[in-house]
């Protein structure tokens, strides 16, 4: 079989994986793109060596899904999560917080988590701060080797991940696995973003 014949098949498989991964992110409590893609491929009965879609392909399908099936609730959810993130960022101001991930991108699913990057002098400094402020948290597995730690907590009924990086990493540009620049926003940018979201009247 020629490579020309294979390409449409591979392209179609990537699209099927992206569509199902988007639905998993929107409906089933999965918050990580990589996990959603692997789970989608398994559900479709595809072998582990199957090429997976990149993050942008899945995010595009997720946005389409939300517009089709969650057009009323998505803006409301975005505003609620952004407000929660902003309040948490106010508390974490001593550690240079940046919002990132699905909440910032406007594609947060029903079970989305808030991801906030912190740049303290040390991870221990953040833990002491949380203990002094009487916040309950636990350690989660970092998704990247560059992160010193991930402290997961509950913020107004939403799971929030405080992803801690060394202070010198603050000026570093973060990229997705597909090589795209990963968006992040300071508190003032999050507040401005909130002002631009229009919630449809019921």
Foldseek 3Di string as FASTA:
>chain_A
DDPVVCVVVLVVLQLQLLLQLLCCQAPPQDADSVVSSQVSCVVVVHDPPRDHHFPVSNLVNNVVCCVVPVVQPLLVVLLVVLVLVLVVLVLVVVFQKKWFGCSVVSRHHPQYATEIEGADQDPVVVVVSCVVVVFDWDWDDDPDPQFPTWTWGAGPNHIYIYTYGHNVCPPPFDAGPVGHTTDIGHSVVSVVVSVPGDRDDD
